[in-house]
Amino acid sequence: MKLGIVNDLPAAADALRRAIAMEPEHEVIWVAHDGAEAVAFCASRTPDVVLMEMGMPVMNGVEATRQIMARTPCAILIVTASVGANAAGVFEAMGHGALDAIDTPAFGATDPRKSAAQLLSKIESIGKLINCEKGRSAAAARNTGIMPIIRQNRLVAIGSSAGGPAALAKVLSGLPADFSAAIVIVQHVDALFARGMAEWLNQHSQLPVRVAQEGDRLESGCVFLAGTADHLTLTSARRLAYTPEPSDYAYRPSVDVFFHSVCRHWQHEAVGVLLTGMGRDGALGLKALRDKGCHTIAQDQTSSAVYGMPKAAVTLNAAVDVLPLERIATRLISIFDR
């Protein structure tokens, strides 16, 4: 894959170059020293993946991500000195379409390949997503505080990916504290900062947001966020569980896996929501929910940071409603007020 590095520190940029050089199929095509250079370089030579630092002079990583995704969209991986210390900026950048985040690898006394392993794994995962998208495009061209349980029979299942954190914050901020349904969110997010994302979403939500734990029972008025690279599922006992299977999915955790488990095991009122994201994850699951008789919602193109997942759902006629982001919370309230 062709990669662009955005980092104002020569030592950090050099560390990234050395890490990438360990995989011969990767090539660094340019290095930008601030966000403004990155925007210009992407316009002239768009890479497959951009490795984006957060704090830089002239233009920071958040604004650079926003402009790149608006002008020359491509996969963006946040690579910063400390994801935890920059959590607010990381989630803001993900709201503009960045796919994932990781700490910059440190090369010292440790084995260099071991230091680079996590970064290379992230790049490989993003490569799988890119290849999935290219393959589908080619095929298309050929074919042209927890509230007490008041109601246990209501569930909102939400899937999101690139651009998801900001979209989720917008939806949750529009729901009242007495919203009478359990909410489960499957966002493509690294386990290392799932807890930080839950805490960040709590700042925007009147409903408590927490990372889903193995065996959690759904509770009305509580938001559960998938918290590992394993797939979150709903069991026949109405409890949440994690599973590594299917192991070959490029999307982890998978929205489709969760939506299909809801189809199998939830016998009451449910609404499926598919928000902004790269790829097609969740589209088939949303269609299965609609075919079962559940109300389904897809975010519209104009308000999506990346119109991949909801577009796939719309193409399949999986969505009852296709709505701008600012109307989704109001629609959820109205559905359960019927």
Protein backbone atom coordinates (compact mmCIF):
# COMPACT_ATOMS: atom_id res chain seq x y z
CA MET A 1 0.00 0.00 0.00
CA LYS A 2 1.00 3.60 -0.54
CA LEU A 3 1.18 5.59 2.70
CA GLY A 4 1.54 9.25 3.63
CA ILE A 5 3.06 10.30 6.95
CA VAL A 6 1.95 13.50 8.70
CA ASN A 7 4.17 14.43 11.62
CA ASP A 8 6.10 17.56 12.58
CA LEU A 9 8.72 15.69 14.64
CA PRO A 10 11.58 14.26 12.53
CA ALA A 11 12.27 11.48 15.05
CA ALA A 12 8.63 10.35 15.03
CA ALA A 13 8.41 10.49 11.23
CA ASP A 14 11.61 8.45 11.02
CA ALA A 15 10.19 5.88 13.45
CA LEU A 16 7.13 5.50 11.26
CA ARG A 17 9.28 5.15 8.13
CA ARG A 18 11.31 2.37 9.77
CA ALA A 19 8.19 0.56 10.90
CA ILE A 20 6.62 0.72 7.43
CA ALA A 21 9.86 -0.45 5.78
CA MET A 22 9.55 -3.78 7.63
CA GLU A 23 6.75 -4.73 5.22
CA PRO A 24 8.04 -4.64 1.62
CA GLU A 25 4.55 -4.26 0.15
CA HIS A 26 4.22 -0.83 1.82
CA GLU A 27 5.67 2.38 0.37
CA VAL A 28 5.87 5.86 1.92
CA ILE A 29 5.07 8.23 -0.93
CA TRP A 30 5.39 11.49 1.03
CA VAL A 31 5.98 12.99 4.47
CA ALA A 32 4.10 16.13 5.51
CA HIS A 33 5.29 18.26 8.42
CA ASP A 34 1.91 19.78 9.27
CA GLY A 35 -1.75 19.34 8.44
CA ALA A 36 -1.80 21.95 5.68
CA GLU A 37 0.98 20.13 3.80
CA ALA A 38 -0.93 16.87 4.22
CA VAL A 39 -4.08 18.35 2.68
CA ALA A 40 -2.04 19.59 -0.31
CA PHE A 41 -0.13 16.31 -0.70
CA CYS A 42 -3.37 14.29 -0.60
CA ALA A 43 -4.79 16.47 -3.36
CA SER A 44 -1.78 15.92 -5.61
CA ARG A 45 -1.01 12.30 -4.73
CA THR A 46 -3.67 10.57 -2.67
CA PRO A 47 -2.27 7.63 -0.68
CA ASP A 48 -4.11 4.50 0.36
CA VAL A 49 -3.59 5.35 4.04
CA VAL A 50 -2.58 8.53 5.85
CA LEU A 51 -0.79 8.20 9.22
CA MET A 52 -1.94 11.37 10.98
CA GLU A 53 -0.43 13.06 14.04
CA MET A 54 -2.75 15.16 16.23
CA GLY A 55 -0.78 18.12 17.57
CA MET A 56 1.06 20.06 14.86
CA PRO A 57 1.76 23.68 13.93
CA VAL A 58 -0.10 25.50 11.14
CA MET A 59 -2.94 22.93 11.05
CA ASN A 60 -3.59 20.15 13.56
CA GLY A 61 -4.62 16.59 12.79
CA VAL A 62 -8.33 17.16 13.46
CA GLU A 63 -8.65 19.95 10.90
CA ALA A 64 -6.41 18.13 8.42
CA THR A 65 -8.60 15.04 8.70
CA ARG A 66 -11.72 17.13 8.15
CA GLN A 67 -10.32 18.79 5.03
CA ILE A 68 -8.88 15.60 3.54
CA MET A 69 -12.14 13.69 4.00
CA ALA A 70 -14.07 16.59 2.44
CA ARG A 71 -11.75 17.03 -0.56
CA THR A 72 -9.85 13.82 -1.33
CA PRO A 73 -11.25 11.07 0.94
CA CYS A 74 -8.91 8.25 1.89
CA ALA A 75 -8.25 6.00 4.86
CA ILE A 76 -6.78 7.90 7.83
CA LEU A 77 -5.13 6.24 10.83
CA ILE A 78 -4.38 8.53 13.75
CA VAL A 79 -0.82 7.85 14.96
CA THR A 80 -0.01 10.10 17.88
CA ALA A 81 2.32 10.13 20.87
CA SER A 82 -0.50 9.22 23.26
CA VAL A 83 -4.02 8.33 22.17
CA GLY A 84 -5.17 8.60 25.79
CA ALA A 85 -3.77 12.09 26.28
CA ASN A 86 -5.32 13.23 22.99
CA ALA A 87 -8.63 11.38 23.39
CA ALA A 88 -10.86 14.37 22.69
CA GLY A 89 -9.00 15.22 19.49
CA VAL A 90 -8.88 11.56 18.43
CA PHE A 91 -12.65 11.16 18.73
CA GLU A 92 -13.20 14.48 16.95
CA ALA A 93 -10.97 13.29 14.09
CA MET A 94 -12.85 9.99 13.98
CA GLY A 95 -16.01 12.05 13.76
CA HIS A 96 -14.62 13.54 10.54
CA GLY A 97 -13.84 10.09 9.13
CA ALA A 98 -10.56 8.79 10.60
CA LEU A 99 -10.79 5.01 10.95
CA ASP A 100 -8.71 4.19 14.01
CA ALA A 101 -5.96 5.42 16.33
CA ILE A 102 -2.75 4.10 17.84
CA ASP A 103 0.25 5.38 19.79
CA THR A 104 3.38 6.17 17.78
CA PRO A 105 5.75 3.19 18.06
CA ALA A 106 8.85 3.80 20.17
CA PHE A 107 12.14 2.31 18.99
CA GLY A 108 14.73 1.84 21.69
CA ALA A 109 16.20 -1.14 23.45
CA THR A 110 13.27 -3.37 22.48
CA ASP A 111 12.99 -5.53 19.36
CA PRO A 112 12.13 -3.13 16.50
CA ARG A 113 9.68 -5.54 14.89
CA LYS A 114 7.90 -6.03 18.20
CA SER A 115 7.65 -2.26 18.61
CA ALA A 116 6.17 -1.90 15.13
CA ALA A 117 3.84 -4.92 15.30
CA GLN A 118 0.71 -3.13 16.46
CA LEU A 119 1.06 -0.33 13.92
CA LEU A 120 1.62 -2.81 11.08
CA SER A 121 -1.39 -4.81 12.25
CA LYS A 122 -3.56 -1.69 12.11
CA ILE A 123 -2.34 -0.89 8.61
CA GLU A 124 -3.03 -4.47 7.53
CA SER A 125 -6.59 -4.30 8.88
CA ILE A 126 -7.24 -1.04 7.05
CA GLY A 127 -5.78 -2.61 3.91
CA LYS A 128 -8.36 -5.37 4.13
CA LEU A 129 -11.13 -2.78 4.29
CA ILE A 130 -9.71 -0.96 1.28
CA ASN A 131 -9.42 -4.18 -0.71
CA CYS A 132 -13.00 -5.12 0.18
CA GLU A 133 -14.16 -1.76 -1.13
CA LYS A 134 -12.16 -2.04 -4.35
CA GLY A 135 -13.40 -5.55 -4.99
CA ARG A 136 -17.03 -4.54 -4.57
CA SER A 137 -16.58 -1.47 -6.76
CA ALA A 138 -15.10 -3.58 -9.55
CA ALA A 139 -17.93 -6.09 -9.30
CA ALA A 140 -20.49 -3.29 -9.44
CA ALA A 141 -18.85 -1.88 -12.53
CA ARG A 142 -18.99 -5.25 -14.27
CA ASN A 143 -22.64 -5.68 -13.31
CA THR A 144 -23.30 -1.94 -13.64
CA GLY A 145 -26.61 6.17 36.53
CA ILE A 146 -28.58 3.17 35.29
CA MET A 147 -32.31 3.51 35.41
CA PRO A 148 -34.41 0.64 36.71
CA ILE A 149 -35.90 -1.66 34.09
CA ILE A 150 -39.17 -0.05 33.11
CA ARG A 151 -39.54 -1.79 29.78
CA GLN A 152 -37.53 -4.83 28.83
CA ASN A 153 -39.05 -5.20 25.40
CA ARG A 154 -37.42 -2.29 23.61
CA LEU A 155 -34.01 -2.25 21.97
CA VAL A 156 -32.13 0.17 19.72
CA ALA A 157 -29.19 -1.45 17.90
CA ILE A 158 -26.77 1.07 16.36
CA GLY A 159 -23.84 0.40 14.03
CA SER A 160 -21.20 2.93 12.96
CA SER A 161 -17.62 3.23 11.76
CA ALA A 162 -15.67 6.11 10.20
CA GLY A 163 -17.26 9.33 11.41
CA GLY A 164 -19.15 7.36 14.03
CA PRO A 165 -18.07 8.99 17.31
CA ALA A 166 -19.41 12.42 16.37
CA ALA A 167 -22.56 10.90 14.86
CA LEU A 168 -23.17 8.81 17.98
CA ALA A 169 -22.67 11.85 20.21
CA LYS A 170 -25.24 13.74 18.14
CA VAL A 171 -27.83 10.96 18.37
CA LEU A 172 -27.33 10.34 22.09
CA SER A 173 -27.45 14.05 22.90
CA GLY A 174 -30.94 14.18 21.43
CA LEU A 175 -32.38 11.39 23.62
CA PRO A 176 -34.04 12.22 26.97
CA ALA A 177 -32.94 10.79 30.31
CA ASP A 178 -36.15 8.74 30.49
CA PHE A 179 -35.73 7.13 27.05
CA SER A 180 -37.41 3.77 27.51
CA ALA A 181 -35.19 1.39 25.53
CA ALA A 182 -31.84 -0.30 25.89
CA ILE A 183 -29.27 0.92 23.37
CA VAL A 184 -26.38 -1.19 22.07
CA ILE A 185 -23.68 0.43 19.93
CA VAL A 186 -21.24 -1.44 17.72
CA GLN A 187 -18.58 1.01 16.55
CA HIS A 188 -15.41 -0.12 14.81
CA VAL A 189 -13.09 0.94 17.63
CA ASP A 190 -9.89 -0.39 19.17
CA ALA A 191 -10.29 -2.05 22.56
CA LEU A 192 -7.49 0.15 23.90
CA PHE A 193 -9.67 3.25 23.80
CA ALA A 194 -13.21 1.85 23.94
CA ARG A 195 -13.44 2.89 27.58
CA GLY A 196 -12.23 6.39 26.74
CA MET A 197 -14.85 6.60 24.01
CA ALA A 198 -17.58 5.57 26.46
CA GLU A 199 -16.44 8.29 28.85
CA TRP A 200 -16.38 10.82 26.00
CA LEU A 201 -19.89 9.85 24.87
CA ASN A 202 -21.09 10.19 28.46
CA GLN A 203 -20.29 13.89 28.20
CA HIS A 204 -22.83 14.19 25.38
CA SER A 205 -25.54 11.88 26.70
CA GLN A 206 -28.21 12.10 29.38
CA LEU A 207 -28.23 8.30 29.33
CA PRO A 208 -25.33 6.45 30.99
CA VAL A 209 -22.86 4.97 28.50
CA ARG A 210 -20.64 2.06 29.49
CA VAL A 211 -18.49 -0.55 27.80
CA ALA A 212 -20.44 -3.80 27.37
CA GLN A 213 -19.16 -6.64 29.54
CA GLU A 214 -19.56 -10.37 28.98
CA GLY A 215 -22.91 -11.41 30.46
CA ASP A 216 -24.41 -7.91 30.75
CA ARG A 217 -28.21 -7.96 30.75
CA LEU A 218 -29.88 -5.27 28.66
CA GLU A 219 -31.36 -2.48 30.75
CA SER A 220 -33.80 0.19 29.70
CA GLY A 221 -32.25 3.64 29.59
CA CYS A 222 -28.67 2.34 29.42
CA VAL A 223 -26.21 2.52 26.50
CA PHE A 224 -23.82 -0.39 25.96
CA LEU A 225 -20.74 0.12 23.74
CA ALA A 226 -18.93 -2.86 22.19
CA GLY A 227 -15.52 -2.86 23.80
CA THR A 228 -13.24 -5.44 22.17
CA ALA A 229 -12.08 -6.60 18.73
CA ASP A 230 -14.25 -9.69 19.25
CA HIS A 231 -17.81 -9.50 17.97
CA LEU A 232 -20.57 -8.44 20.36
CA THR A 233 -23.67 -10.65 20.23
CA LEU A 234 -27.03 -10.97 21.92
CA THR A 235 -27.74 -14.39 23.42
CA SER A 236 -31.02 -16.25 23.87
CA ALA A 237 -30.93 -15.23 27.54
CA ARG A 238 -31.08 -11.54 26.49
CA ARG A 239 -27.52 -11.04 27.64
CA LEU A 240 -24.50 -9.64 25.80
CA ALA A 241 -21.56 -11.85 24.90
CA TYR A 242 -18.34 -11.67 22.91
CA THR A 243 -17.15 -14.17 20.31
CA PRO A 244 -14.04 -14.29 18.08
CA GLU A 245 -16.05 -15.96 15.32
CA PRO A 246 -16.29 -15.35 12.43
CA SER A 247 -12.54 -14.83 12.61
CA ASP A 248 -12.06 -13.78 8.97
CA TYR A 249 -14.22 -10.62 9.11
CA ALA A 250 -12.36 -7.45 8.14
CA TYR A 251 -14.79 -5.51 10.32
CA ARG A 252 -14.19 -6.03 14.05
CA PRO A 253 -16.38 -5.83 16.00
CA SER A 254 -18.93 -6.46 13.26
CA VAL A 255 -22.24 -4.63 13.09
CA ASP A 256 -23.67 -7.42 10.93
CA VAL A 257 -22.84 -10.06 13.55
CA PHE A 258 -24.67 -8.11 16.24
CA PHE A 259 -27.69 -7.25 14.07
CA HIS A 260 -28.09 -10.89 13.03
CA SER A 261 -27.93 -12.01 16.68
CA VAL A 262 -30.74 -9.55 17.46
CA CYS A 263 -32.78 -11.12 14.66
CA ARG A 264 -32.27 -14.56 16.16
CA HIS A 265 -32.82 -13.85 19.82
CA TRP A 266 -34.84 -10.64 20.32
CA GLN A 267 -38.56 -11.30 20.17
CA HIS A 268 -39.81 -7.82 21.03
CA GLU A 269 -39.74 -4.28 19.65
CA ALA A 270 -36.39 -3.30 18.12
CA VAL A 271 -35.03 -0.52 15.93
CA GLY A 272 -31.87 -0.88 13.86
CA VAL A 273 -29.81 2.21 13.03
CA LEU A 274 -26.86 2.33 10.62
CA LEU A 275 -24.70 5.45 10.73
CA THR A 276 -21.72 6.77 8.79
CA GLY A 277 -18.89 4.36 7.99
CA MET A 278 -16.57 2.92 5.37
CA GLY A 279 -17.54 -0.37 3.75
CA ARG A 280 -20.75 -2.39 3.94
CA ASP A 281 -20.77 -3.77 7.48
CA GLY A 282 -24.28 -3.69 8.92
CA ALA A 283 -26.16 -3.45 5.62
CA LEU A 284 -27.13 -7.14 5.46
CA GLY A 285 -27.94 -7.17 9.16
CA LEU A 286 -30.15 -4.10 8.82
CA LYS A 287 -31.97 -5.77 5.93
CA ALA A 288 -32.52 -8.86 8.10
CA LEU A 289 -33.98 -6.65 10.85
CA ARG A 290 -36.34 -4.97 8.38
CA ASP A 291 -37.41 -8.33 6.94
CA LYS A 292 -38.23 -9.44 10.48
CA GLY A 293 -40.54 -6.46 10.88
CA CYS A 294 -38.27 -4.12 12.85
CA HIS A 295 -38.11 -0.42 12.11
CA THR A 296 -34.79 0.48 10.47
CA ILE A 297 -33.00 3.78 9.93
CA ALA A 298 -29.99 4.71 7.78
CA GLN A 299 -28.15 8.02 7.93
CA ASP A 300 -28.42 10.04 4.73
CA GLN A 301 -25.55 10.89 2.41
CA THR A 302 -25.37 14.61 3.12
CA SER A 303 -24.84 14.22 6.86
CA SER A 304 -22.52 11.16 6.66
CA ALA A 305 -18.78 11.68 7.05
CA VAL A 306 -18.31 8.52 4.96
CA TYR A 307 -21.33 7.32 3.00
CA GLY A 308 -20.39 3.65 2.74
CA MET A 309 -22.29 1.55 5.25
CA PRO A 310 -25.59 3.49 5.08
CA LYS A 311 -25.36 3.66 1.29
CA ALA A 312 -25.03 -0.13 1.13
CA ALA A 313 -28.11 -0.44 3.33
CA VAL A 314 -30.11 1.96 1.17
CA THR A 315 -29.10 0.02 -1.94
CA LEU A 316 -30.46 -3.16 -0.35
CA ASN A 317 -33.71 -1.39 0.59
CA ALA A 318 -32.83 -2.21 4.20
CA ALA A 319 -33.90 1.15 5.65
CA VAL A 320 -37.47 2.18 6.39
CA ASP A 321 -36.20 5.73 6.98
CA VAL A 322 -33.21 7.47 5.44
CA LEU A 323 -32.64 10.51 7.63
CA PRO A 324 -30.18 13.33 8.23
CA LEU A 325 -28.25 12.84 11.45
CA GLU A 326 -30.03 15.61 13.34
CA ARG A 327 -33.43 13.92 12.87
CA ILE A 328 -32.51 10.40 14.02
CA ALA A 329 -32.94 10.96 17.77
CA THR A 330 -36.32 12.61 17.24
CA ARG A 331 -37.41 9.69 15.08
CA LEU A 332 -36.38 7.16 17.73
CA ILE A 333 -38.42 9.02 20.33
CA SER A 334 -41.45 9.11 18.06
CA ILE A 335 -41.22 5.39 17.26
CA PHE A 336 -41.39 4.42 20.93
CA ASP A 337 -44.12 6.99 21.66
CA ARG A 338 -46.53 5.22 19.32
